[in-house]
């Protein structure tokens, strides 16, 4: 589906418009490194989703170890993501991979860089 490598300064968010079979999926990403608990919060919207990475501020890296669901498409397939992040001071170096289900996860072999 796609791969994105982003530098996100502390205190800011980023928005990525993603083409999913002709539908623009609006993905908003932000970090809450002041949170007490580590995790990922996904909030759906009509046109996409908001992902908040909480306490992902380790300089050695933090990552998801399996695909995490973002949305279910009208044809029943799932849009998912995997992510890894390194904290560089207050800046986050995020690598985000979007995957589309279809007889397994498609995306790892056909990566599009934004």
PDB file of N, CA and C in Angstrom:
ATOM      1  N   UNK A   1       0.828  -1.182   0.000  1.00  0.00           N
ATOM      2  CA  UNK A   1       0.000   0.000   0.000  1.00  0.00           C
ATOM      3  C   UNK A   1       0.870   1.242   0.000  1.00  0.00           C
ATOM      4  N   UNK A   2       1.735   1.359   1.002  1.00  0.00           N
ATOM      5  CA  UNK A   2       2.588   2.529   1.033  1.00  0.00           C
ATOM      6  C   UNK A   2       3.479   2.555   2.254  1.00  0.00           C
ATOM      7  N   UNK A   3       4.592   3.262   2.113  1.00  0.00           N
ATOM      8  CA  UNK A   3       5.540   3.430   3.213  1.00  0.00           C
ATOM      9  C   UNK A   3       5.846   4.906   3.346  1.00  0.00           C
ATOM     10  N   UNK A   4       5.849   5.387   4.567  1.00  0.00           N
ATOM     11  CA  UNK A   4       6.107   6.794   4.840  1.00  0.00           C
ATOM     12  C   UNK A   4       7.190   6.896   5.907  1.00  0.00           C
ATOM     13  N   UNK A   5       8.181   7.720   5.660  1.00  0.00           N
ATOM     14  CA  UNK A   5       9.240   7.988   6.622  1.00  0.00           C
ATOM     15  C   UNK A   5       9.124   9.463   6.992  1.00  0.00           C
ATOM     16  N   UNK A   6       8.814   9.738   8.258  1.00  0.00           N
ATOM     17  CA  UNK A   6       8.469  11.091   8.681  1.00  0.00           C
ATOM     18  C   UNK A   6       9.307  11.550   9.860  1.00  0.00           C
ATOM     19  N   UNK A   7       9.642  12.821   9.880  1.00  0.00           N
ATOM     20  CA  UNK A   7      10.213  13.482  11.055  1.00  0.00           C
ATOM     21  C   UNK A   7       9.125  14.415  11.579  1.00  0.00           C
ATOM     22  N   UNK A   8       8.676  14.173  12.817  1.00  0.00           N
ATOM     23  CA  UNK A   8       7.578  14.945  13.388  1.00  0.00           C
ATOM     24  C   UNK A   8       8.089  15.661  14.634  1.00  0.00           C
ATOM     25  N   UNK A   9       8.216  16.996  14.582  1.00  0.00           N
ATOM     26  CA  UNK A   9       8.690  17.746  15.748  1.00  0.00           C
ATOM     27  C   UNK A   9       7.737  17.589  16.930  1.00  0.00           C
ATOM     28  N   UNK A  10       8.300  17.634  18.131  1.00  0.00           N
ATOM     29  CA  UNK A  10       7.494  17.542  19.343  1.00  0.00           C
ATOM     30  C   UNK A  10       6.402  18.603  19.365  1.00  0.00           C
ATOM     31  N   UNK A  11       5.215  18.218  19.826  1.00  0.00           N
ATOM     32  CA  UNK A  11       4.113  19.155  19.940  1.00  0.00           C
ATOM     33  C   UNK A  11       3.365  19.409  18.650  1.00  0.00           C
ATOM     34  N   UNK A  12       3.709  18.713  17.571  1.00  0.00           N
ATOM     35  CA  UNK A  12       3.004  18.930  16.313  1.00  0.00           C
ATOM     36  C   UNK A  12       2.418  17.608  15.810  1.00  0.00           C
ATOM     37  N   UNK A  13       1.499  17.721  14.869  1.00  0.00           N
ATOM     38  CA  UNK A  13       0.872  16.553  14.256  1.00  0.00           C
ATOM     39  C   UNK A  13       1.108  16.640  12.754  1.00  0.00           C
ATOM     40  N   UNK A  14       0.886  15.535  12.076  1.00  0.00           N
ATOM     41  CA  UNK A  14       0.994  15.528  10.622  1.00  0.00           C
ATOM     42  C   UNK A  14      -0.216  14.831  10.034  1.00  0.00           C
ATOM     43  N   UNK A  15      -0.535  15.186   8.816  1.00  0.00           N
ATOM     44  CA  UNK A  15      -1.690  14.616   8.124  1.00  0.00           C
ATOM     45  C   UNK A  15      -1.215  14.054   6.784  1.00  0.00           C
ATOM     46  N   UNK A  16      -1.633  12.824   6.487  1.00  0.00           N
ATOM     47  CA  UNK A  16      -1.253  12.156   5.247  1.00  0.00           C
ATOM     48  C   UNK A  16      -2.527  11.754   4.504  1.00  0.00           C
ATOM     49  N   UNK A  17      -2.750  12.291   3.306  1.00  0.00           N
ATOM     50  CA  UNK A  17      -3.864  11.793   2.492  1.00  0.00           C
ATOM     51  C   UNK A  17      -3.408  10.537   1.748  1.00  0.00           C
ATOM     52  N   UNK A  18      -4.103   9.431   1.953  1.00  0.00           N
ATOM     53  CA  UNK A  18      -3.714   8.144   1.372  1.00  0.00           C
ATOM     54  C   UNK A  18      -4.777   7.700   0.377  1.00  0.00           C
ATOM     55  N   UNK A  19      -4.351   7.363  -0.848  1.00  0.00           N
ATOM     56  CA  UNK A  19      -5.279   6.854  -1.860  1.00  0.00           C
ATOM     57  C   UNK A  19      -5.465   5.355  -1.643  1.00  0.00           C
ATOM     58  N   UNK A  20      -6.694   4.974  -1.288  1.00  0.00           N
ATOM     59  CA  UNK A  20      -7.038   3.565  -1.089  1.00  0.00           C
ATOM     60  C   UNK A  20      -8.109   3.211  -2.120  1.00  0.00           C
ATOM     61  N   UNK A  21      -7.674   2.672  -3.250  1.00  0.00           N
ATOM     62  CA  UNK A  21      -8.603   2.281  -4.318  1.00  0.00           C
ATOM     63  C   UNK A  21      -9.528   3.419  -4.731  1.00  0.00           C
ATOM     64  N   UNK A  22      -8.979   4.624  -4.897  1.00  0.00           N
ATOM     65  CA  UNK A  22      -9.764   5.773  -5.328  1.00  0.00           C
ATOM     66  C   UNK A  22     -10.435   6.549  -4.209  1.00  0.00           C
ATOM     67  N   UNK A  23     -10.313   6.079  -2.991  1.00  0.00           N
ATOM     68  CA  UNK A  23     -10.880   6.759  -1.824  1.00  0.00           C
ATOM     69  C   UNK A  23      -9.730   7.411  -1.064  1.00  0.00           C
ATOM     70  N   UNK A  24      -9.868   8.688  -0.735  1.00  0.00           N
ATOM     71  CA  UNK A  24      -8.823   9.364   0.035  1.00  0.00           C
ATOM     72  C   UNK A  24      -9.057   9.129   1.516  1.00  0.00           C
ATOM     73  N   UNK A  25      -8.147   8.379   2.111  1.00  0.00           N
ATOM     74  CA  UNK A  25      -8.167   8.081   3.543  1.00  0.00           C
ATOM     75  C   UNK A  25      -7.275   9.103   4.215  1.00  0.00           C
ATOM     76  N   UNK A  26      -7.851   9.955   5.049  1.00  0.00           N
ATOM     77  CA  UNK A  26      -7.128  11.040   5.703  1.00  0.00           C
ATOM     78  C   UNK A  26      -6.561  10.529   7.027  1.00  0.00           C
ATOM     79  N   UNK A  27      -5.254  10.392   7.102  1.00  0.00           N
ATOM     80  CA  UNK A  27      -4.589   9.851   8.285  1.00  0.00           C
ATOM     81  C   UNK A  27      -3.885  10.972   9.038  1.00  0.00           C
ATOM     82  N   UNK A  28      -4.283  11.195  10.285  1.00  0.00           N
ATOM     83  CA  UNK A  28      -3.645  12.190  11.140  1.00  0.00           C
ATOM     84  C   UNK A  28      -2.817  11.460  12.192  1.00  0.00           C
ATOM     85  N   UNK A  29      -1.579  11.915  12.387  1.00  0.00           N
ATOM     86  CA  UNK A  29      -0.653  11.258  13.308  1.00  0.00           C
ATOM     87  C   UNK A  29      -0.118  12.278  14.293  1.00  0.00           C
ATOM     88  N   UNK A  30      -0.118  11.888  15.562  1.00  0.00           N
ATOM     89  CA  UNK A  30       0.507  12.738  16.577  1.00  0.00           C
ATOM     90  C   UNK A  30       1.090  11.877  17.689  1.00  0.00           C
ATOM     91  N   UNK A  31       1.932  12.497  18.490  1.00  0.00           N
ATOM     92  CA  UNK A  31       2.602  11.828  19.602  1.00  0.00           C
ATOM     93  C   UNK A  31       2.232  12.512  20.908  1.00  0.00           C
ATOM     94  N   UNK A  32       2.014  11.709  21.942  1.00  0.00           N
ATOM     95  CA  UNK A  32       1.801  12.210  23.301  1.00  0.00           C
ATOM     96  C   UNK A  32       2.852  11.539  24.176  1.00  0.00           C
ATOM     97  N   UNK A  33       4.028  12.140  24.223  1.00  0.00           N
ATOM     98  CA  UNK A  33       5.124  11.548  24.981  1.00  0.00           C
ATOM     99  C   UNK A  33       5.070  11.868  26.462  1.00  0.00           C
ATOM    100  N   UNK A  34       4.097  12.700  26.899  1.00  0.00           N
ATOM    101  CA  UNK A  34       3.919  13.007  28.316  1.00  0.00           C
ATOM    102  C   UNK A  34       2.992  11.998  28.996  1.00  0.00           C
ATOM    103  N   UNK A  35       2.415  11.102  28.226  1.00  0.00           N
ATOM    104  CA  UNK A  35       1.492  10.116  28.765  1.00  0.00           C
ATOM    105  C   UNK A  35       2.208   9.196  29.754  1.00  0.00           C
ATOM    106  N   UNK A  36       1.476   8.722  30.753  1.00  0.00           N
ATOM    107  CA  UNK A  36       2.055   7.801  31.727  1.00  0.00           C
ATOM    108  C   UNK A  36       2.185   6.387  31.165  1.00  0.00           C
ATOM    109  N   UNK A  37       1.232   5.993  30.312  1.00  0.00           N
ATOM    110  CA  UNK A  37       1.219   4.642  29.770  1.00  0.00           C
ATOM    111  C   UNK A  37       1.564   4.651  28.289  1.00  0.00           C
ATOM    112  N   UNK A  38       2.288   3.623  27.870  1.00  0.00           N
ATOM    113  CA  UNK A  38       2.655   3.497  26.463  1.00  0.00           C
ATOM    114  C   UNK A  38       1.543   2.769  25.711  1.00  0.00           C
ATOM    115  N   UNK A  39       1.262   3.221  24.491  1.00  0.00           N
ATOM    116  CA  UNK A  39       0.261   2.555  23.675  1.00  0.00           C
ATOM    117  C   UNK A  39      -0.036   3.334  22.416  1.00  0.00           C
ATOM    118  N   UNK A  40      -1.013   2.844  21.675  1.00  0.00           N
ATOM    119  CA  UNK A  40      -1.458   3.477  20.437  1.00  0.00           C
ATOM    120  C   UNK A  40      -2.969   3.630  20.524  1.00  0.00           C
ATOM    121  N   UNK A  41      -3.447   4.846  20.284  1.00  0.00           N
ATOM    122  CA  UNK A  41      -4.882   5.122  20.289  1.00  0.00           C
ATOM    123  C   UNK A  41      -5.310   5.449  18.863  1.00  0.00           C
ATOM    124  N   UNK A  42      -6.332   4.744  18.372  1.00  0.00           N
ATOM    125  CA  UNK A  42      -6.845   4.970  17.024  1.00  0.00           C
ATOM    126  C   UNK A  42      -8.288   5.443  17.150  1.00  0.00           C
ATOM    127  N   UNK A  43      -8.558   6.619  16.577  1.00  0.00           N
ATOM    128  CA  UNK A  43      -9.901   7.176  16.585  1.00  0.00           C
ATOM    129  C   UNK A  43     -10.369   7.304  15.142  1.00  0.00           C
ATOM    130  N   UNK A  44     -11.418   6.561  14.754  1.00  0.00           N
ATOM    131  CA  UNK A  44     -11.906   6.659  13.380  1.00  0.00           C
ATOM    132  C   UNK A  44     -12.686   7.952  13.140  1.00  0.00           C
ATOM    133  N   UNK A  45     -12.718   8.367  11.867  1.00  0.00           N
ATOM    134  CA  UNK A  45     -13.548   9.497  11.450  1.00  0.00           C
ATOM    135  C   UNK A  45     -14.227   9.106  10.145  1.00  0.00           C
ATOM    136  N   UNK A  46     -15.079   9.970   9.625  1.00  0.00           N
ATOM    137  CA  UNK A  46     -15.778   9.656   8.366  1.00  0.00           C
ATOM    138  C   UNK A  46     -14.817   9.477   7.205  1.00  0.00           C
ATOM    139  N   UNK A  47     -13.724  10.234   7.207  1.00  0.00           N
ATOM    140  CA  UNK A  47     -12.795  10.230   6.076  1.00  0.00           C
ATOM    141  C   UNK A  47     -11.451   9.600   6.386  1.00  0.00           C
ATOM    142  N   UNK A  48     -11.296   8.967   7.546  1.00  0.00           N
ATOM    143  CA  UNK A  48     -10.001   8.395   7.867  1.00  0.00           C
ATOM    144  C   UNK A  48      -9.880   8.026   9.327  1.00  0.00           C
ATOM    145  N   UNK A  49      -8.724   8.341   9.912  1.00  0.00           N
ATOM    146  CA  UNK A  49      -8.470   8.000  11.310  1.00  0.00           C
ATOM    147  C   UNK A  49      -7.379   8.893  11.876  1.00  0.00           C
ATOM    148  N   UNK A  50      -7.377   8.990  13.189  1.00  0.00           N
ATOM    149  CA  UNK A  50      -6.344   9.707  13.928  1.00  0.00           C
ATOM    150  C   UNK A  50      -5.608   8.679  14.776  1.00  0.00           C
ATOM    151  N   UNK A  51      -4.283   8.672  14.671  1.00  0.00           N
ATOM    152  CA  UNK A  51      -3.457   7.773  15.471  1.00  0.00           C
ATOM    153  C   UNK A  51      -2.652   8.624  16.448  1.00  0.00           C
ATOM    154  N   UNK A  52      -2.750   8.291  17.727  1.00  0.00           N
ATOM    155  CA  UNK A  52      -1.926   8.942  18.742  1.00  0.00           C
ATOM    156  C   UNK A  52      -0.997   7.880  19.322  1.00  0.00           C
ATOM    157  N   UNK A  53       0.290   8.112  19.169  1.00  0.00           N
ATOM    158  CA  UNK A  53       1.307   7.242  19.760  1.00  0.00           C
ATOM    159  C   UNK A  53       1.627   7.813  21.136  1.00  0.00           C
ATOM    160  N   UNK A  54       1.315   7.073  22.170  1.00  0.00           N
ATOM    161  CA  UNK A  54       1.522   7.539  23.543  1.00  0.00           C
ATOM    162  C   UNK A  54       2.798   6.927  24.129  1.00  0.00           C
ATOM    163  N   UNK A  55       3.645   7.822  24.609  1.00  0.00           N
ATOM    164  CA  UNK A  55       4.918   7.448  25.249  1.00  0.00           C
ATOM    165  C   UNK A  55       5.793   6.595  24.326  1.00  0.00           C
ATOM    166  N   UNK A  56       5.860   6.991  23.068  1.00  0.00           N
ATOM    167  CA  UNK A  56       6.746   6.343  22.103  1.00  0.00           C
ATOM    168  C   UNK A  56       7.987   7.213  21.975  1.00  0.00           C
ATOM    169  N   UNK A  57       8.698   7.423  23.064  1.00  0.00           N
ATOM    170  CA  UNK A  57       9.813   8.368  23.082  1.00  0.00           C
ATOM    171  C   UNK A  57      11.137   7.712  23.457  1.00  0.00           C
ATOM    172  N   UNK A  58      11.359   6.482  23.043  1.00  0.00           N
ATOM    173  CA  UNK A  58      12.588   5.775  23.345  1.00  0.00           C
ATOM    174  C   UNK A  58      13.598   6.013  22.223  1.00  0.00           C
ATOM    175  N   UNK A  59      14.787   6.449  22.580  1.00  0.00           N
ATOM    176  CA  UNK A  59      15.834   6.694  21.584  1.00  0.00           C
ATOM    177  C   UNK A  59      16.318   5.398  20.933  1.00  0.00           C
ATOM    178  N   UNK A  60      16.096   4.261  21.591  1.00  0.00           N
ATOM    179  CA  UNK A  60      16.494   2.968  21.021  1.00  0.00           C
ATOM    180  C   UNK A  60      15.420   2.400  20.100  1.00  0.00           C
ATOM    181  N   UNK A  61      14.218   2.966  20.151  1.00  0.00           N
ATOM    182  CA  UNK A  61      13.154   2.566  19.239  1.00  0.00           C
ATOM    183  C   UNK A  61      11.985   1.882  19.912  1.00  0.00           C
ATOM    184  N   UNK A  62      10.835   2.038  19.291  1.00  0.00           N
ATOM    185  CA  UNK A  62       9.586   1.408  19.694  1.00  0.00           C
ATOM    186  C   UNK A  62       8.902   0.961  18.407  1.00  0.00           C
ATOM    187  N   UNK A  63       8.223  -0.197  18.439  1.00  0.00           N
ATOM    188  CA  UNK A  63       7.588  -0.679  17.211  1.00  0.00           C
ATOM    189  C   UNK A  63       6.371  -1.531  17.512  1.00  0.00           C
ATOM    190  N   UNK A  64       5.465  -1.580  16.540  1.00  0.00           N
ATOM    191  CA  UNK A  64       4.388  -2.556  16.562  1.00  0.00           C
ATOM    192  C   UNK A  64       4.955  -3.854  15.997  1.00  0.00           C
ATOM    193  N   UNK A  65       4.534  -4.983  16.537  1.00  0.00           N
ATOM    194  CA  UNK A  65       5.089  -6.261  16.090  1.00  0.00           C
ATOM    195  C   UNK A  65       4.160  -7.025  15.160  1.00  0.00           C
ATOM    196  N   UNK A  66       2.968  -6.483  14.917  1.00  0.00           N
ATOM    197  CA  UNK A  66       2.035  -7.094  13.974  1.00  0.00           C
ATOM    198  C   UNK A  66       1.129  -6.007  13.402  1.00  0.00           C
ATOM    199  N   UNK A  67       0.507  -6.264  12.248  1.00  0.00           N
ATOM    200  CA  UNK A  67      -0.376  -5.258  11.665  1.00  0.00           C
ATOM    201  C   UNK A  67      -1.516  -4.883  12.622  1.00  0.00           C
ATOM    202  N   UNK A  68      -1.829  -3.590  12.656  1.00  0.00           N
ATOM    203  CA  UNK A  68      -2.901  -3.065  13.495  1.00  0.00           C
ATOM    204  C   UNK A  68      -3.963  -2.453  12.594  1.00  0.00           C
ATOM    205  N   UNK A  69      -5.209  -2.841  12.795  1.00  0.00           N
ATOM    206  CA  UNK A  69      -6.312  -2.421  11.931  1.00  0.00           C
ATOM    207  C   UNK A  69      -6.597  -0.925  12.055  1.00  0.00           C
ATOM    208  N   UNK A  70      -6.743  -0.282  10.874  1.00  0.00           N
ATOM    209  CA  UNK A  70      -7.163   1.122  10.804  1.00  0.00           C
ATOM    210  C   UNK A  70      -8.611   1.251  10.368  1.00  0.00           C
ATOM    211  N   UNK A  71      -9.019   0.443   9.382  1.00  0.00           N
ATOM    212  CA  UNK A  71     -10.362   0.567   8.827  1.00  0.00           C
ATOM    213  C   UNK A  71     -10.749  -0.708   8.096  1.00  0.00           C
ATOM    214  N   UNK A  72     -12.053  -0.884   7.922  1.00  0.00           N
ATOM    215  CA  UNK A  72     -12.581  -1.932   7.068  1.00  0.00           C
ATOM    216  C   UNK A  72     -13.178  -1.261   5.842  1.00  0.00           C
ATOM    217  N   UNK A  73     -12.738  -1.674   4.656  1.00  0.00           N
ATOM    218  CA  UNK A  73     -13.219  -1.095   3.409  1.00  0.00           C
ATOM    219  C   UNK A  73     -14.595  -1.646   3.063  1.00  0.00           C
ATOM    220  N   UNK A  74     -15.270  -1.017   2.117  1.00  0.00           N
ATOM    221  CA  UNK A  74     -16.605  -1.442   1.712  1.00  0.00           C
ATOM    222  C   UNK A  74     -16.624  -2.864   1.168  1.00  0.00           C
ATOM    223  N   UNK A  75     -15.490  -3.306   0.600  1.00  0.00           N
ATOM    224  CA  UNK A  75     -15.433  -4.672   0.065  1.00  0.00           C
ATOM    225  C   UNK A  75     -15.055  -5.704   1.131  1.00  0.00           C
ATOM    226  N   UNK A  76     -14.937  -5.252   2.393  1.00  0.00           N
ATOM    227  CA  UNK A  76     -14.657  -6.160   3.499  1.00  0.00           C
ATOM    228  C   UNK A  76     -13.193  -6.319   3.852  1.00  0.00           C
ATOM    229  N   UNK A  77     -12.290  -5.841   2.992  1.00  0.00           N
ATOM    230  CA  UNK A  77     -10.866  -5.949   3.301  1.00  0.00           C
ATOM    231  C   UNK A  77     -10.484  -4.936   4.376  1.00  0.00           C
ATOM    232  N   UNK A  78      -9.405  -5.249   5.088  1.00  0.00           N
ATOM    233  CA  UNK A  78      -8.932  -4.352   6.140  1.00  0.00           C
ATOM    234  C   UNK A  78      -7.728  -3.546   5.682  1.00  0.00           C
ATOM    235  N   UNK A  79      -7.710  -2.284   6.090  1.00  0.00           N
ATOM    236  CA  UNK A  79      -6.544  -1.423   5.950  1.00  0.00           C
ATOM    237  C   UNK A  79      -5.874  -1.420   7.311  1.00  0.00           C
ATOM    238  N   UNK A  80      -4.588  -1.745   7.338  1.00  0.00           N
ATOM    239  CA  UNK A  80      -3.854  -1.841   8.602  1.00  0.00           C
ATOM    240  C   UNK A  80      -2.526  -1.112   8.467  1.00  0.00           C
ATOM    241  N   UNK A  81      -1.792  -1.024   9.576  1.00  0.00           N
ATOM    242  CA  UNK A  81      -0.486  -0.377   9.550  1.00  0.00           C
ATOM    243  C   UNK A  81       0.463  -1.065  10.508  1.00  0.00           C
ATOM    244  N   UNK A  82       1.732  -0.854  10.231  1.00  0.00           N
ATOM    245  CA  UNK A  82       2.806  -1.192  11.159  1.00  0.00           C
ATOM    246  C   UNK A  82       3.641   0.066  11.314  1.00  0.00           C
ATOM    247  N   UNK A  83       4.287   0.222  12.466  1.00  0.00           N
ATOM    248  CA  UNK A  83       5.040   1.442  12.715  1.00  0.00           C
ATOM    249  C   UNK A  83       6.246   1.166  13.592  1.00  0.00           C
ATOM    250  N   UNK A  84       7.298   1.972  13.360  1.00  0.00           N
ATOM    251  CA  UNK A  84       8.450   2.002  14.263  1.00  0.00           C
ATOM    252  C   UNK A  84       8.827   3.470  14.447  1.00  0.00           C
ATOM    253  N   UNK A  85       9.375   3.780  15.604  1.00  0.00           N
ATOM    254  CA  UNK A  85       9.688   5.169  15.932  1.00  0.00           C
ATOM    255  C   UNK A  85      10.956   5.245  16.773  1.00  0.00           C
ATOM    256  N   UNK A  86      11.742   6.265  16.482  1.00  0.00           N
ATOM    257  CA  UNK A  86      12.917   6.590  17.290  1.00  0.00           C
ATOM    258  C   UNK A  86      12.785   8.029  17.734  1.00  0.00           C
ATOM    259  N   UNK A  87      13.007   8.282  19.011  1.00  0.00           N
ATOM    260  CA  UNK A  87      12.981   9.653  19.519  1.00  0.00           C
ATOM    261  C   UNK A  87      14.364  10.266  19.363  1.00  0.00           C
ATOM    262  N   UNK A  88      14.392  11.452  18.773  1.00  0.00           N
ATOM    263  CA  UNK A  88      15.629  12.217  18.616  1.00  0.00           C
ATOM    264  C   UNK A  88      15.394  13.531  19.345  1.00  0.00           C
ATOM    265  N   UNK A  89      15.734  13.566  20.627  1.00  0.00           N
ATOM    266  CA  UNK A  89      15.348  14.704  21.447  1.00  0.00           C
ATOM    267  C   UNK A  89      13.835  14.724  21.547  1.00  0.00           C
ATOM    268  N   UNK A  90      13.208  15.829  21.145  1.00  0.00           N
ATOM    269  CA  UNK A  90      11.746  15.906  21.160  1.00  0.00           C
ATOM    270  C   UNK A  90      11.131  15.611  19.784  1.00  0.00           C
ATOM    271  N   UNK A  91      11.978  15.272  18.803  1.00  0.00           N
ATOM    272  CA  UNK A  91      11.491  14.946  17.459  1.00  0.00           C
ATOM    273  C   UNK A  91      11.311  13.435  17.331  1.00  0.00           C
ATOM    274  N   UNK A  92      10.246  13.026  16.647  1.00  0.00           N
ATOM    275  CA  UNK A  92       9.983  11.611  16.408  1.00  0.00           C
ATOM    276  C   UNK A  92      10.309  11.255  14.968  1.00  0.00           C
ATOM    277  N   UNK A  93      11.092  10.189  14.779  1.00  0.00           N
ATOM    278  CA  UNK A  93      11.426   9.647  13.467  1.00  0.00           C
ATOM    279  C   UNK A  93      10.547   8.415  13.275  1.00  0.00           C
ATOM    280  N   UNK A  94       9.448   8.595  12.543  1.00  0.00           N
ATOM    281  CA  UNK A  94       8.446   7.552  12.387  1.00  0.00           C
ATOM    282  C   UNK A  94       8.532   6.912  11.007  1.00  0.00           C
ATOM    283  N   UNK A  95       8.568   5.590  10.976  1.00  0.00           N
ATOM    284  CA  UNK A  95       8.407   4.825   9.746  1.00  0.00           C
ATOM    285  C   UNK A  95       7.057   4.134   9.850  1.00  0.00           C
ATOM    286  N   UNK A  96       6.211   4.399   8.860  1.00  0.00           N
ATOM    287  CA  UNK A  96       4.843   3.901   8.863  1.00  0.00           C
ATOM    288  C   UNK A  96       4.607   3.115   7.580  1.00  0.00           C
ATOM    289  N   UNK A  97       4.121   1.892   7.706  1.00  0.00           N
ATOM    290  CA  UNK A  97       3.814   1.069   6.547  1.00  0.00           C
ATOM    291  C   UNK A  97       2.328   0.760   6.568  1.00  0.00           C
ATOM    292  N   UNK A  98       1.634   1.094   5.462  1.00  0.00           N
ATOM    293  CA  UNK A  98       0.218   0.791   5.329  1.00  0.00           C
ATOM    294  C   UNK A  98       0.065  -0.498   4.546  1.00  0.00           C
ATOM    295  N   UNK A  99      -0.855  -1.334   4.994  1.00  0.00           N
ATOM    296  CA  UNK A  99      -1.056  -2.656   4.411  1.00  0.00           C
ATOM    297  C   UNK A  99      -2.525  -2.847   4.072  1.00  0.00           C
ATOM    298  N   UNK A 100      -2.798  -3.500   2.939  1.00  0.00           N
ATOM    299  CA  UNK A 100      -4.154  -3.783   2.519  1.00  0.00           C
ATOM    300  C   UNK A 100      -4.334  -5.285   2.449  1.00  0.00           C
ATOM    301  N   UNK A 101      -5.322  -5.786   3.176  1.00  0.00           N
ATOM    302  CA  UNK A 101      -5.574  -7.220   3.225  1.00  0.00           C
ATOM    303  C   UNK A 101      -6.149  -7.698   1.897  1.00  0.00           C
ATOM    304  N   UNK A 102      -5.724  -8.855   1.494  1.00  0.00           N
ATOM    305  CA  UNK A 102      -6.223  -9.458   0.257  1.00  0.00           C
ATOM    306  C   UNK A 102      -5.490 -10.761   0.023  1.00  0.00           C
ATOM    307  N   UNK A 103      -5.914 -11.822   0.679  1.00  0.00           N
ATOM    308  CA  UNK A 103      -5.181 -13.088   0.595  1.00  0.00           C
ATOM    309  C   UNK A 103      -3.862 -12.974   1.332  1.00  0.00           C
ATOM    310  N   UNK A 104      -3.849 -12.288   2.449  1.00  0.00           N
ATOM    311  CA  UNK A 104      -2.639 -11.949   3.193  1.00  0.00           C
ATOM    312  C   UNK A 104      -2.530 -10.434   3.229  1.00  0.00           C
ATOM    313  N   UNK A 105      -1.430  -9.914   3.652  1.00  0.00           N
ATOM    314  CA  UNK A 105      -1.250  -8.464   3.707  1.00  0.00           C
ATOM    315  C   UNK A 105      -0.430  -8.023   2.524  1.00  0.00           C
ATOM    316  N   UNK A 106      -0.959  -7.086   1.736  1.00  0.00           N
ATOM    317  CA  UNK A 106      -0.238  -6.549   0.598  1.00  0.00           C
ATOM    318  C   UNK A 106       0.406  -5.241   1.022  1.00  0.00           C
ATOM    319  N   UNK A 107       1.605  -5.032   0.637  1.00  0.00           N
ATOM    320  CA  UNK A 107       2.252  -3.779   0.966  1.00  0.00           C
ATOM    321  C   UNK A 107       3.745  -3.938   1.129  1.00  0.00           C
ATOM    322  N   UNK A 108       4.169  -5.014   1.727  1.00  0.00           N
ATOM    323  CA  UNK A 108       5.596  -5.198   1.989  1.00  0.00           C
ATOM    324  C   UNK A 108       6.385  -5.336   0.685  1.00  0.00           C
ATOM    325  N   UNK A 109       5.783  -5.994  -0.317  1.00  0.00           N
ATOM    326  CA  UNK A 109       6.495  -6.204  -1.574  1.00  0.00           C
ATOM    327  C   UNK A 109       6.284  -5.058  -2.559  1.00  0.00           C
ATOM    328  N   UNK A 110       5.218  -4.296  -2.390  1.00  0.00           N
ATOM    329  CA  UNK A 110       4.925  -3.208  -3.319  1.00  0.00           C
ATOM    330  C   UNK A 110       4.842  -1.889  -2.562  1.00  0.00           C
ATOM    331  N   UNK A 111       5.982  -1.393  -2.186  1.00  0.00           N
ATOM    332  CA  UNK A 111       6.047  -0.206  -1.349  1.00  0.00           C
ATOM    333  C   UNK A 111       6.135   1.037  -2.213  1.00  0.00           C
ATOM    334  N   UNK A 112       5.333   2.032  -1.876  1.00  0.00           N
ATOM    335  CA  UNK A 112       5.336   3.329  -2.548  1.00  0.00           C
ATOM    336  C   UNK A 112       5.798   4.358  -1.526  1.00  0.00           C
ATOM    337  N   UNK A 113       6.829   5.080  -1.849  1.00  0.00           N
ATOM    338  CA  UNK A 113       7.349   6.083  -0.926  1.00  0.00           C
ATOM    339  C   UNK A 113       6.721   7.431  -1.230  1.00  0.00           C
ATOM    340  N   UNK A 114       6.238   8.068  -0.173  1.00  0.00           N
ATOM    341  CA  UNK A 114       5.597   9.387  -0.345  1.00  0.00           C
ATOM    342  C   UNK A 114       6.626  10.481  -0.240  1.00  0.00           C
TER     343      UNK A 114
END
